[in-house]
Structure formats: C-alpha cells, structure tokens
C-alpha atoms as a PDB file:
ATOM      1  CA  UNK A   1      15.114 -13.484   1.627  1.00  0.00           C
ATOM      2  CA  UNK A   2      15.805 -15.642  -1.303  1.00  0.00           C
ATOM      3  CA  UNK A   3      14.050 -19.094   0.047  1.00  0.00           C
ATOM      4  CA  UNK A   4      10.922 -20.378   1.915  1.00  0.00           C
ATOM      5  CA  UNK A   5      11.295 -19.646   5.435  1.00  0.00           C
ATOM      6  CA  UNK A   6       9.705 -20.152   8.572  1.00  0.00           C
ATOM      7  CA  UNK A   7       8.031 -17.342  10.591  1.00  0.00           C
ATOM      8  CA  UNK A   8      10.800 -17.549  13.361  1.00  0.00           C
ATOM      9  CA  UNK A   9      13.583 -17.487  10.905  1.00  0.00           C
ATOM     10  CA  UNK A  10      12.032 -14.192   9.647  1.00  0.00           C
ATOM     11  CA  UNK A  11      11.712 -13.021  13.527  1.00  0.00           C
ATOM     12  CA  UNK A  12      15.567 -13.665  13.727  1.00  0.00           C
ATOM     13  CA  UNK A  13      16.371 -12.026  10.693  1.00  0.00           C
ATOM     14  CA  UNK A  14      14.321  -9.005  11.807  1.00  0.00           C
ATOM     15  CA  UNK A  15      16.066  -9.221  15.337  1.00  0.00           C
ATOM     16  CA  UNK A  16      19.767  -9.725  13.928  1.00  0.00           C
ATOM     17  CA  UNK A  17      19.190  -6.560  11.437  1.00  0.00           C
ATOM     18  CA  UNK A  18      17.422  -4.516  14.040  1.00  0.00           C
ATOM     19  CA  UNK A  19      14.951  -4.031  11.363  1.00  0.00           C
ATOM     20  CA  UNK A  20      11.104  -4.059  11.409  1.00  0.00           C
ATOM     21  CA  UNK A  21      10.747  -4.848   7.826  1.00  0.00           C
ATOM     22  CA  UNK A  22      11.701  -7.868   5.776  1.00  0.00           C
ATOM     23  CA  UNK A  23      11.653  -7.599   1.820  1.00  0.00           C
ATOM     24  CA  UNK A  24      10.021 -10.695  -0.190  1.00  0.00           C
ATOM     25  CA  UNK A  25      11.306 -11.140  -3.561  1.00  0.00           C
ATOM     26  CA  UNK A  26      10.246 -13.773  -6.095  1.00  0.00           C
ATOM     27  CA  UNK A  27      12.925 -16.047  -7.721  1.00  0.00           C
ATOM     28  CA  UNK A  28      14.185 -13.633 -10.025  1.00  0.00           C
ATOM     29  CA  UNK A  29      15.106 -11.469  -7.005  1.00  0.00           C
ATOM     30  CA  UNK A  30      12.177  -8.877  -7.972  1.00  0.00           C
ATOM     31  CA  UNK A  31      10.765  -7.409  -4.890  1.00  0.00           C
ATOM     32  CA  UNK A  32       7.201  -8.674  -4.490  1.00  0.00           C
ATOM     33  CA  UNK A  33       6.388  -7.536  -0.973  1.00  0.00           C
ATOM     34  CA  UNK A  34       7.563  -6.870   2.568  1.00  0.00           C
ATOM     35  CA  UNK A  35       6.770  -8.212   5.918  1.00  0.00           C
ATOM     36  CA  UNK A  36       6.160  -5.799   8.742  1.00  0.00           C
ATOM     37  CA  UNK A  37       6.929  -6.522  12.361  1.00  0.00           C
ATOM     38  CA  UNK A  38       3.424  -6.241  13.280  1.00  0.00           C
ATOM     39  CA  UNK A  39       1.990  -8.480  10.624  1.00  0.00           C
ATOM     40  CA  UNK A  40       4.736 -11.292  11.749  1.00  0.00           C
ATOM     41  CA  UNK A  41       3.847 -10.923  15.286  1.00  0.00           C
ATOM     42  CA  UNK A  42       0.147 -11.154  14.371  1.00  0.00           C
ATOM     43  CA  UNK A  43       1.165 -14.376  12.618  1.00  0.00           C
ATOM     44  CA  UNK A  44       3.052 -15.936  15.108  1.00  0.00           C
ATOM     45  CA  UNK A  45       0.401 -15.192  17.948  1.00  0.00           C
ATOM     46  CA  UNK A  46      -2.358 -17.016  15.301  1.00  0.00           C
ATOM     47  CA  UNK A  47      -0.276 -20.012  14.525  1.00  0.00           C
ATOM     48  CA  UNK A  48       1.217 -20.657  18.078  1.00  0.00           C
ATOM     49  CA  UNK A  49       4.499 -21.727  16.495  1.00  0.00           C
ATOM     50  CA  UNK A  50       7.437 -20.772  14.204  1.00  0.00           C
ATOM     51  CA  UNK A  51       5.889 -22.952  11.035  1.00  0.00           C
END
C-alpha cells in the first residue's frame, strides 16, 4: 500500500485479497516491512477503533 492508511483499511484489504499479510513500502516503492494478520488484530484490539 503506497499511502498512509487506517487499520480498518488494512483489514479490508486483507479480507478482499484473502491474504493474512500486507506489504509495507516506502515512497519509492521499496519493501520496508509487512503487517501480518495477528499484529493487525492486536492493534485493532488495543486501539479500540480503526484509526
């Protein structure tokens, strides 16, 4: 994903693509990390929202 996104947007992307992992890239499109489903769910539980 090439822009700042909310947690719920990442969750929606994972659901739409049936993927438990989303790549994180910098502004040049270089892979800098990934968001696994487990980490996303933990972040959603802690934040209590999609922001």
